[in-house]
Amino acid sequence: MVPCVGGAAGGTARGSPSESWTRTEVEAATFADARLHRRFGGLLGQLAAGIGKSIPQACHDWAGAKAACRFLANSRVSEGDILGGHMAATAERFTASRGVVLLLQDTTEFTYRRASANAIGVTKSVNSGRDAKGRWRHHTLCGLLMHTSLAVTEDGVPLGVTALKVWTRSKFRGTAALKRVVNPTRVPIEGKESVRWLDNLRRSVELLGEPGRLVHVGDRESDIYELFCLARDLGTHFVVRTCVDRLAGDGTHTIAAEMADARVRGLHRVALRGPEGEAMDVVLEIRARRVHVLPPVGKQRRYPALDLTVLHVTERDPPRGREPIEWKLLTDLPVRSRRDALEKVRWYAMRWKIETFHKILKSGCRAEESRLQSAERIANLLALFCIIAWRVLWLTLAHRADPEATPQTALSEREITVLDRISLIRRSERTEEASLAAYVRKLARLGGYLGRSRDPPPGIVVLWRGLSRLADIELGMEVATRPTCG
């Protein structure tokens, strides 16, 4: 089932299908006054029509660009206000969906070139090579960090952003330097940046409700014992990739020792692409065992021991010259069969969707090319881009999950009309069926998609190009058909 984007989730439309898709993502937003709400809706539509363009290009004139900059600089506007309507629409799409919904979490960095880092802040220190005397040079990168939670169905269809945190550092201290001063395992989670993982999980569960349907999915950075305990307290679930060999059993050994003699639950064959694009089949061995996991030594008085399932996925007979595939996963859910094990592995593989989401932000929306001069303004712009990036990802994946869905679930009547008129010019498209998949292919052709018999389905790049070009064609048609005076 593909939740509707053009109207409210579950098919209860908030207006006629001809209305812009932005109406659904804007309507429930709450701002300090109605003028900010109207400006937000207009700016979202302009940026969505000009994906990858600068604010002056997207707004077309000085007055529009000035209004956009004033909106982003307004002290009464925050990223929470901007995403409020989208998150409400995400909750409706969640209610309309069925089955398990995965909460994908990840952090990304946005780097900017500025003469001074005071207005924006810093992210990290990098090595920039050696100077003339052979000494290592280091410089600090200016920018922001963003931690996002994205809800997706088991088929990979994104329902929307459920939590977002944007922050910046006034200074950067390396992890190695900190470890020489304090043992990080003894620092309370509330005093670390990693508390963002817990905050986003808590906010997502609060937004969506039904915690039993939610499964948090994270990479090795989310291997946090406090997160496991929070998931238990909230009544929700998790599948994370682990990087810590935790104490297990009675505390005299670790998880690795218990998994050493775990039996193979099954084999799984997957098709991959090699480093040069060649197709190859890989056989994976899956081991699973229920393990009594203990908290870190410094936190055993505060947190209880947990019974968790450990899954080890390893490649059988890996070829020379390539690192073997190996995943070590941890989940609170039971694994009683090969089918259960494959399900958890497939859920973790969905984590890549949020990497794609961040790619749209950086390469499609070109968020790192913004010339805004303060962290607050950039954060507001990133929140706007998150809604646009979600729609591009939704278009990319929704038609694959339900190819027979109607085009009105994702496109406005105006967009459908323009694509139909373009099809009349291209006679080869006349016979295409009136489905969402057919119209997504038409849209992708505007972005350079060839649509040959062996080509994969349209991807994010051709779709964000197609959306931008479609908006230009719509504008041209509007100018051509608008009556003139005199």
Protein backbone atom coordinates (compact mmCIF):
# COMPACT_ATOMS: atom_id res chain seq x y z
CA MET A 1 0.00 0.00 0.00
CA VAL A 2 1.38 3.42 -0.99
CA PRO A 3 0.20 6.27 1.27
CA CYS A 4 -1.10 9.27 -0.62
CA VAL A 5 1.06 12.36 -0.98
CA GLY A 6 -1.34 14.59 -2.90
CA GLY A 7 -3.93 14.52 -0.10
CA ALA A 8 -4.14 13.37 3.46
CA ALA A 9 -2.91 9.88 4.27
CA GLY A 10 -5.48 7.20 3.95
CA GLY A 11 -7.18 8.88 1.00
CA THR A 12 -9.08 11.62 2.87
CA ALA A 13 -8.00 14.51 0.69
CA ARG A 14 -7.51 17.95 2.12
CA GLY A 15 -8.44 19.47 -1.20
CA SER A 16 -8.85 18.66 -4.85
CA PRO A 17 -6.09 16.59 -6.51
CA SER A 18 -5.14 19.62 -8.60
CA GLU A 19 -3.72 21.38 -5.55
CA SER A 20 0.01 21.35 -5.08
CA TRP A 21 1.58 18.53 -3.06
CA THR A 22 2.99 21.16 -0.73
CA ARG A 23 -0.46 21.81 0.74
CA THR A 24 -0.39 18.52 2.64
CA GLU A 25 3.07 19.25 4.06
CA VAL A 26 2.22 22.85 4.99
CA GLU A 27 -1.33 22.87 6.29
CA ALA A 28 -0.69 21.65 9.84
CA ALA A 29 2.36 23.87 10.38
CA THR A 30 2.05 26.39 13.20
CA PHE A 31 3.84 29.73 13.03
CA ALA A 32 3.68 32.88 15.12
CA ASP A 33 1.33 34.53 12.62
CA ALA A 34 -0.51 33.73 9.39
CA ARG A 35 1.86 35.75 7.22
CA LEU A 36 4.78 33.47 8.13
CA HIS A 37 2.62 30.47 7.27
CA ARG A 38 1.80 31.89 3.81
CA ARG A 39 5.42 32.80 3.16
CA PHE A 40 6.52 29.30 4.18
CA GLY A 41 4.12 27.64 1.73
CA GLY A 42 5.21 29.89 -1.11
CA LEU A 43 8.92 29.47 -0.40
CA LEU A 44 8.62 25.68 -0.19
CA GLY A 45 6.92 25.62 -3.59
CA GLN A 46 9.60 27.87 -5.12
CA LEU A 47 12.51 25.82 -3.78
CA ALA A 48 10.83 22.55 -4.81
CA ALA A 49 10.33 23.90 -8.34
CA GLY A 50 13.98 24.95 -8.54
CA ILE A 51 15.79 22.00 -6.96
CA GLY A 52 19.50 22.77 -6.84
CA LYS A 53 19.08 26.46 -7.59
CA SER A 54 20.12 29.29 -5.31
CA ILE A 55 17.51 31.33 -3.47
CA PRO A 56 17.66 34.22 -6.00
CA GLN A 57 17.28 31.75 -8.90
CA ALA A 58 14.36 29.93 -7.26
CA CYS A 59 12.55 33.15 -6.28
CA HIS A 60 13.07 34.81 -9.71
CA ASP A 61 13.35 38.41 -8.48
CA TRP A 62 14.82 40.65 -5.79
CA ALA A 63 11.57 41.01 -3.87
CA GLY A 64 11.08 37.23 -3.63
CA ALA A 65 14.69 36.59 -2.64
CA LYS A 66 14.53 39.30 0.03
CA ALA A 67 11.29 37.88 1.43
CA ALA A 68 12.85 34.39 1.54
CA CYS A 69 15.94 35.62 3.39
CA ARG A 70 13.78 37.55 5.85
CA PHE A 71 11.73 34.42 6.53
CA LEU A 72 14.84 32.29 7.14
CA ALA A 73 16.33 35.01 9.39
CA ASN A 74 13.15 35.58 11.41
CA SER A 75 13.78 34.90 15.10
CA ARG A 76 10.22 33.52 15.41
CA VAL A 77 10.92 30.77 12.85
CA SER A 78 12.74 27.54 13.73
CA GLU A 79 13.34 24.23 11.99
CA GLY A 80 10.70 22.73 14.29
CA ASP A 81 8.10 25.20 12.99
CA ILE A 82 9.05 24.47 9.39
CA LEU A 83 8.85 20.69 9.81
CA GLY A 84 5.75 20.72 12.00
CA GLY A 85 3.28 20.34 9.12
CA HIS A 86 5.39 17.69 7.40
CA MET A 87 5.69 15.66 10.60
CA ALA A 88 1.92 15.83 11.12
CA ALA A 89 1.45 14.54 7.57
CA THR A 90 4.04 11.84 8.27
CA ALA A 91 2.00 10.70 11.28
CA GLU A 92 -1.10 10.45 9.08
CA ARG A 93 0.78 8.41 6.49
CA PHE A 94 2.02 6.15 9.29
CA THR A 95 -1.54 5.60 10.49
CA ALA A 96 -2.65 4.75 6.96
CA SER A 97 0.18 2.25 6.44
CA ARG A 98 0.22 -1.34 7.61
CA GLY A 99 2.81 -3.53 9.30
CA VAL A 100 6.19 -2.65 10.71
CA VAL A 101 7.65 0.81 10.11
CA LEU A 102 11.41 1.30 10.32
CA LEU A 103 12.89 4.39 11.96
CA LEU A 104 16.21 5.06 10.21
CA GLN A 105 18.61 7.34 12.06
CA ASP A 106 21.88 8.85 10.94
CA THR A 107 24.08 11.93 11.26
CA THR A 108 25.55 13.96 8.43
CA GLU A 109 27.73 17.07 8.19
CA PHE A 110 27.29 20.20 6.07
CA THR A 111 30.53 22.03 5.38
CA TYR A 112 30.80 25.68 4.29
CA ARG A 113 33.59 28.01 3.26
CA ARG A 114 33.54 31.09 5.45
CA ALA A 115 36.18 33.63 6.42
CA SER A 116 35.21 33.17 10.08
CA ALA A 117 33.57 30.21 11.81
CA ASN A 118 32.06 32.38 14.55
CA ALA A 119 28.63 32.79 12.90
CA ILE A 120 28.19 29.15 11.87
CA GLY A 121 30.47 27.06 14.06
CA VAL A 122 32.72 24.10 13.37
CA THR A 123 32.34 20.37 12.77
CA LYS A 124 35.76 18.74 12.90
CA SER A 125 39.50 19.16 12.41
CA VAL A 126 41.06 17.63 9.28
CA ASN A 127 44.58 16.92 8.09
CA SER A 128 45.47 19.09 5.08
CA GLY A 129 48.91 17.66 4.31
CA ARG A 130 52.44 18.76 5.22
CA ASP A 131 53.96 22.20 5.05
CA ALA A 132 57.34 23.08 3.50
CA LYS A 133 59.16 21.81 6.59
CA GLY A 134 57.33 18.47 6.60
CA ARG A 135 55.05 19.30 9.53
CA TRP A 136 51.42 18.17 9.45
CA ARG A 137 48.91 20.98 8.92
CA HIS A 138 45.46 20.88 10.46
CA HIS A 139 42.50 23.14 9.90
CA THR A 140 39.01 23.22 11.32
CA LEU A 141 36.00 22.83 9.06
CA CYS A 142 33.18 25.33 9.33
CA GLY A 143 29.64 23.94 9.26
CA LEU A 144 26.71 22.24 10.96
CA LEU A 145 25.75 18.71 11.91
CA MET A 146 22.29 17.26 11.37
CA HIS A 147 20.80 14.12 12.92
CA THR A 148 17.70 12.83 11.14
CA SER A 149 15.09 10.14 11.76
CA LEU A 150 13.28 8.92 8.65
CA ALA A 151 10.28 6.58 8.79
CA VAL A 152 10.06 4.00 5.99
CA THR A 153 7.83 1.01 5.35
CA GLU A 154 9.14 -2.54 5.03
CA ASP A 155 9.07 -2.01 1.25
CA GLY A 156 11.38 0.98 1.64
CA VAL A 157 8.78 3.69 0.91
CA PRO A 158 9.63 6.78 3.01
CA LEU A 159 6.74 8.15 5.04
CA GLY A 160 8.61 11.26 6.16
CA VAL A 161 10.93 12.83 8.70
CA THR A 162 9.91 12.12 12.30
CA ALA A 163 12.66 13.95 14.21
CA LEU A 164 15.47 16.35 13.36
CA LYS A 165 18.29 17.92 15.33
CA VAL A 166 20.67 20.51 13.87
CA TRP A 167 23.56 21.76 15.95
CA THR A 168 26.97 23.34 15.71
CA ARG A 169 30.08 23.44 17.86
CA SER A 170 31.81 26.54 19.10
CA LYS A 171 35.05 24.56 19.22
CA PHE A 172 36.23 21.08 18.33
CA ARG A 173 38.17 18.73 20.57
CA GLY A 174 39.33 15.44 19.13
CA THR A 175 37.99 12.17 20.51
CA ALA A 176 41.51 10.88 21.20
CA ALA A 177 42.30 13.96 23.29
CA LEU A 178 39.10 13.57 25.29
CA LYS A 179 39.81 9.90 26.02
CA ARG A 180 43.12 10.87 27.64
CA VAL A 181 41.22 13.04 30.10
CA VAL A 182 38.07 11.06 30.85
CA ASN A 183 36.77 7.53 30.33
CA PRO A 184 33.84 8.03 27.89
CA THR A 185 31.97 4.96 29.20
CA ARG A 186 31.66 6.63 32.61
CA VAL A 187 30.23 9.90 31.28
CA PRO A 188 26.41 10.02 31.58
CA ILE A 189 24.70 9.86 28.20
CA GLU A 190 23.03 13.23 28.91
CA GLY A 191 26.47 14.86 28.75
CA LYS A 192 27.39 13.47 25.33
CA GLU A 193 26.46 14.42 21.77
CA SER A 194 25.31 10.81 21.32
CA VAL A 195 22.21 11.61 23.39
CA ARG A 196 20.75 12.74 20.05
CA TRP A 197 20.06 9.08 19.22
CA LEU A 198 17.87 8.76 22.32
CA ASP A 199 16.19 12.12 21.79
CA ASN A 200 15.21 11.31 18.21
CA LEU A 201 13.89 7.89 19.17
CA ARG A 202 11.79 9.38 21.97
CA ARG A 203 10.39 12.13 19.72
CA SER A 204 9.61 9.72 16.89
CA VAL A 205 7.68 7.38 19.18
CA GLU A 206 5.83 10.33 20.68
CA LEU A 207 4.91 11.62 17.19
CA LEU A 208 3.78 8.33 15.64
CA GLY A 209 2.41 6.41 18.61
CA GLU A 210 2.00 2.62 18.36
CA PRO A 211 5.58 1.92 19.55
CA GLY A 212 5.11 -1.81 18.98
CA ARG A 213 5.04 -1.22 15.20
CA LEU A 214 8.28 0.75 15.20
CA VAL A 215 11.79 -0.64 14.76
CA HIS A 216 14.77 1.68 15.21
CA VAL A 217 17.55 0.94 12.70
CA GLY A 218 21.02 2.41 13.10
CA ASP A 219 24.65 1.88 12.18
CA ARG A 220 27.54 1.23 14.56
CA GLU A 221 27.36 4.76 15.96
CA SER A 222 24.00 3.84 17.53
CA ASP A 223 25.46 0.90 19.46
CA ILE A 224 24.56 2.60 22.74
CA TYR A 225 23.41 0.60 25.75
CA GLU A 226 21.23 3.46 26.98
CA LEU A 227 19.39 3.33 23.64
CA PHE A 228 18.56 -0.34 24.17
CA CYS A 229 17.15 0.41 27.60
CA LEU A 230 15.14 3.36 26.33
CA ALA A 231 13.61 1.20 23.57
CA ARG A 232 12.56 -1.33 26.20
CA ASP A 233 11.02 1.41 28.38
CA LEU A 234 9.11 2.88 25.41
CA GLY A 235 7.85 -0.52 24.26
CA THR A 236 9.51 -0.22 20.85
CA HIS A 237 12.19 -2.28 19.07
CA PHE A 238 15.60 -1.90 17.43
CA VAL A 239 18.05 -3.50 15.01
CA VAL A 240 21.51 -1.92 15.16
CA ARG A 241 24.92 -2.82 13.90
CA THR A 242 27.17 -3.40 16.87
CA CYS A 243 30.82 -2.42 17.27
CA VAL A 244 31.29 -3.20 20.99
CA ASP A 245 32.04 -6.69 22.26
CA ARG A 246 29.89 -6.41 25.38
CA LEU A 247 29.99 -8.51 28.52
CA ALA A 248 27.55 -11.41 28.39
CA GLY A 249 26.23 -14.25 30.55
CA ASP A 250 27.59 -14.10 34.10
CA GLY A 251 30.12 -11.40 33.18
CA THR A 252 33.13 -13.70 32.77
CA HIS A 253 33.02 -13.66 28.96
CA THR A 254 31.80 -11.52 26.05
CA ILE A 255 29.30 -11.81 23.21
CA ALA A 256 32.03 -12.94 20.83
CA ALA A 257 32.75 -15.97 23.04
CA GLU A 258 29.07 -17.00 23.01
CA MET A 259 28.81 -16.57 19.24
CA ALA A 260 31.96 -18.58 18.53
CA ASP A 261 30.06 -21.88 18.50
CA ALA A 262 26.67 -20.58 17.29
CA ARG A 263 25.25 -22.74 14.54
CA VAL A 264 24.45 -21.48 11.06
CA ARG A 265 20.71 -20.76 10.85
CA GLY A 266 20.72 -20.56 7.08
CA LEU A 267 22.38 -19.38 3.90
CA HIS A 268 21.34 -16.34 1.91
CA ARG A 269 22.38 -15.62 -1.67
CA VAL A 270 22.51 -12.00 -2.82
CA ALA A 271 23.45 -10.39 -6.13
CA LEU A 272 26.04 -7.60 -5.90
CA ARG A 273 28.00 -5.35 -8.21
CA GLY A 274 31.77 -5.58 -8.15
CA PRO A 275 34.16 -2.60 -8.08
CA GLU A 276 33.97 -2.34 -11.88
CA GLY A 277 30.23 -2.94 -12.18
CA GLU A 278 30.40 -6.68 -12.81
CA ALA A 279 27.55 -8.83 -11.47
CA MET A 280 28.39 -11.47 -8.88
CA ASP A 281 26.56 -13.75 -6.46
CA VAL A 282 27.58 -13.80 -2.80
CA VAL A 283 26.60 -16.48 -0.29
CA LEU A 284 26.09 -15.29 3.28
CA GLU A 285 26.04 -17.43 6.41
CA ILE A 286 23.64 -16.27 9.14
CA ARG A 287 24.16 -17.18 12.79
CA ALA A 288 21.83 -16.12 15.58
CA ARG A 289 21.69 -16.64 19.33
CA ARG A 290 19.79 -15.17 22.27
CA VAL A 291 22.35 -13.68 24.69
CA HIS A 292 22.13 -12.22 28.19
CA VAL A 293 23.93 -8.87 27.69
CA LEU A 294 25.33 -6.84 30.59
CA PRO A 295 25.68 -3.04 30.71
CA PRO A 296 29.15 -1.41 30.76
CA VAL A 297 30.98 -1.84 34.05
CA GLY A 298 30.68 1.83 34.96
CA LYS A 299 26.89 1.83 34.40
CA GLN A 300 25.78 -1.46 35.92
CA ARG A 301 24.18 0.29 38.91
CA ARG A 302 22.03 2.47 36.67
CA TYR A 303 20.98 0.11 33.87
CA PRO A 304 19.72 -3.51 33.93
CA ALA A 305 20.98 -6.48 31.97
CA LEU A 306 19.01 -7.30 28.80
CA ASP A 307 18.24 -10.47 26.86
CA LEU A 308 19.03 -9.63 23.22
CA THR A 309 19.45 -11.52 19.95
CA VAL A 310 22.84 -11.37 18.26
CA LEU A 311 23.07 -11.99 14.50
CA HIS A 312 26.34 -12.54 12.68
CA VAL A 313 26.23 -12.32 8.89
CA THR A 314 29.47 -13.42 7.21
CA GLU A 315 30.41 -14.08 3.61
CA ARG A 316 31.29 -17.65 2.69
CA ASP A 317 34.50 -18.03 0.65
CA PRO A 318 35.19 -14.35 -0.04
CA PRO A 319 37.40 -13.64 -3.08
CA ARG A 320 40.95 -12.40 -2.72
CA GLY A 321 41.56 -8.70 -2.90
CA ARG A 322 38.22 -7.70 -1.35
CA GLU A 323 37.13 -7.28 2.25
CA PRO A 324 34.58 -9.98 3.17
CA ILE A 325 31.05 -8.91 3.99
CA GLU A 326 30.45 -9.06 7.74
CA TRP A 327 27.61 -7.62 9.78
CA LYS A 328 27.18 -8.00 13.53
CA LEU A 329 23.64 -7.02 14.45
CA LEU A 330 21.88 -6.67 17.79
CA THR A 331 18.11 -6.70 18.28
CA ASP A 332 15.62 -7.08 21.08
CA LEU A 333 13.33 -9.14 18.83
CA PRO A 334 13.43 -12.95 18.89
CA VAL A 335 14.85 -14.91 15.95
CA ARG A 336 13.36 -18.39 15.89
CA SER A 337 13.89 -19.34 12.24
CA ARG A 338 15.85 -18.57 9.10
CA ARG A 339 12.95 -16.42 7.93
CA ASP A 340 13.12 -14.29 11.09
CA ALA A 341 16.88 -13.88 10.66
CA LEU A 342 16.55 -12.80 7.00
CA GLU A 343 13.85 -10.32 7.97
CA LYS A 344 16.14 -8.57 10.48
CA VAL A 345 19.00 -8.51 7.97
CA ARG A 346 16.70 -7.02 5.34
CA TRP A 347 15.53 -4.37 7.82
CA TYR A 348 19.10 -3.32 8.50
CA ALA A 349 19.82 -3.17 4.76
CA MET A 350 17.06 -0.53 4.54
CA ARG A 351 19.33 1.81 6.49
CA TRP A 352 20.91 2.88 3.22
CA LYS A 353 17.73 4.82 2.39
CA ILE A 354 18.73 7.57 4.81
CA GLU A 355 22.14 7.81 3.13
CA THR A 356 20.26 8.39 -0.12
CA PHE A 357 18.13 11.00 1.63
CA HIS A 358 21.26 12.88 2.69
CA LYS A 359 22.66 12.61 -0.84
CA ILE A 360 19.57 14.38 -2.19
CA LEU A 361 20.11 17.17 0.35
CA LYS A 362 23.75 17.67 -0.64
CA SER A 363 23.84 16.85 -4.36
CA GLY A 364 20.26 17.57 -5.41
CA CYS A 365 19.32 20.54 -3.22
CA ARG A 366 22.98 21.62 -2.99
CA ALA A 367 22.60 22.52 0.64
CA GLU A 368 26.35 23.06 1.08
CA GLU A 369 26.39 25.81 -1.56
CA SER A 370 24.18 28.14 0.47
CA ARG A 371 25.61 31.60 1.09
CA LEU A 372 23.58 32.29 4.23
CA GLN A 373 25.76 33.68 6.98
CA SER A 374 24.39 32.28 10.25
CA ALA A 375 23.75 28.82 11.66
CA GLU A 376 20.09 29.63 12.44
CA ARG A 377 19.32 30.63 8.85
CA ILE A 378 21.06 27.58 7.41
CA ALA A 379 19.21 25.30 9.84
CA ASN A 380 15.88 26.72 8.66
CA LEU A 381 16.92 26.21 5.04
CA LEU A 382 17.95 22.61 5.76
CA ALA A 383 14.51 21.95 7.26
CA LEU A 384 12.88 23.18 4.04
CA PHE A 385 15.23 21.03 1.98
CA CYS A 386 14.33 17.97 4.10
CA ILE A 387 10.71 18.18 2.90
CA ILE A 388 11.84 18.48 -0.74
CA ALA A 389 14.35 15.62 -0.36
CA TRP A 390 11.64 13.42 1.14
CA ARG A 391 9.38 14.00 -1.87
CA VAL A 392 12.15 13.12 -4.35
CA LEU A 393 12.92 9.92 -2.43
CA TRP A 394 9.19 9.13 -2.17
CA LEU A 395 8.74 9.46 -5.94
CA THR A 396 11.78 7.26 -6.51
CA LEU A 397 10.55 4.39 -4.33
CA ALA A 398 6.75 4.59 -4.16
CA HIS A 399 6.12 3.47 -7.74
CA ARG A 400 8.38 0.45 -7.20
CA ALA A 401 6.35 -0.66 -4.18
CA ASP A 402 2.99 -0.17 -5.94
CA PRO A 403 3.39 0.28 -9.73
CA GLU A 404 -0.40 0.28 -10.30
CA ALA A 405 -1.08 3.21 -7.98
CA THR A 406 -2.77 6.18 -9.62
CA PRO A 407 -0.54 9.13 -10.58
CA GLN A 408 -2.69 11.45 -8.43
CA THR A 409 -1.14 9.87 -5.31
CA ALA A 410 2.13 11.69 -6.08
CA LEU A 411 1.53 14.32 -8.77
CA SER A 412 -0.87 17.23 -9.11
CA GLU A 413 -3.38 17.38 -11.97
CA ARG A 414 -1.38 20.19 -13.49
CA GLU A 415 1.82 18.12 -13.50
CA ILE A 416 -0.05 15.18 -15.01
CA THR A 417 -1.49 17.41 -17.75
CA VAL A 418 1.95 18.77 -18.66
CA LEU A 419 3.43 15.27 -18.82
CA ASP A 420 0.53 14.14 -21.04
CA ARG A 421 1.13 17.02 -23.43
CA ILE A 422 4.81 16.18 -23.63
CA SER A 423 3.80 12.58 -24.41
CA LEU A 424 1.79 13.81 -27.42
CA ILE A 425 5.01 15.25 -28.83
CA ARG A 426 6.92 12.07 -28.13
CA ARG A 427 4.80 9.52 -29.92
CA SER A 428 6.61 6.58 -28.35
CA GLU A 429 4.97 7.45 -25.01
CA ARG A 430 1.39 7.54 -26.24
CA THR A 431 0.63 3.94 -25.38
CA GLU A 432 1.90 4.06 -21.80
CA GLU A 433 -0.62 3.11 -19.13
CA ALA A 434 -2.06 5.69 -16.75
CA SER A 435 -0.25 4.46 -13.62
CA LEU A 436 2.12 6.08 -11.17
CA ALA A 437 5.04 4.06 -12.53
CA ALA A 438 4.32 5.27 -16.08
CA TYR A 439 4.20 8.92 -15.05
CA VAL A 440 7.37 8.61 -12.98
CA ARG A 441 9.12 7.28 -16.10
CA LYS A 442 7.79 10.25 -18.08
CA LEU A 443 9.11 12.59 -15.41
CA ALA A 444 12.48 10.82 -15.32
CA ARG A 445 12.85 11.19 -19.12
CA LEU A 446 12.87 14.94 -18.61
CA GLY A 447 15.92 14.39 -16.40
CA GLY A 448 17.78 12.20 -18.89
CA TYR A 449 16.40 8.74 -18.17
CA LEU A 450 16.56 6.59 -21.31
CA GLY A 451 14.09 3.89 -20.27
CA ARG A 452 15.70 1.07 -22.25
CA SER A 453 14.46 -2.47 -21.72
CA ARG A 454 17.36 -3.45 -19.44
CA ASP A 455 17.68 -0.15 -17.60
CA PRO A 456 16.92 -0.15 -13.85
CA PRO A 457 13.99 1.92 -12.54
CA PRO A 458 14.50 5.70 -12.46
CA GLY A 459 16.76 6.92 -9.67
CA ILE A 460 16.97 10.06 -7.59
CA VAL A 461 19.25 12.02 -9.94
CA VAL A 462 17.05 11.84 -13.04
CA LEU A 463 13.98 12.54 -10.92
CA TRP A 464 15.26 15.70 -9.25
CA ARG A 465 16.42 16.91 -12.68
CA GLY A 466 13.03 16.01 -14.14
CA LEU A 467 11.12 17.84 -11.40
CA SER A 468 13.14 21.01 -11.97
CA ARG A 469 12.62 20.87 -15.72
CA LEU A 470 8.93 20.09 -15.33
CA ALA A 471 8.52 23.22 -13.20
CA ASP A 472 10.15 25.31 -15.94
CA ILE A 473 7.83 23.82 -18.56
CA GLU A 474 4.80 24.52 -16.34
CA LEU A 475 5.90 28.14 -16.04
CA GLY A 476 6.28 28.40 -19.81
CA MET A 477 2.80 26.99 -20.39
CA GLU A 478 1.33 29.40 -17.85
CA VAL A 479 2.96 32.38 -19.61
CA ALA A 480 1.80 31.15 -23.02
CA THR A 481 -1.82 30.63 -22.00
CA ARG A 482 -2.29 33.67 -19.74
CA PRO A 483 -4.36 36.38 -21.47
CA THR A 484 -2.73 39.73 -22.07
CA CYS A 485 -4.32 43.17 -21.99
CA GLY A 486 -4.16 45.90 -24.67
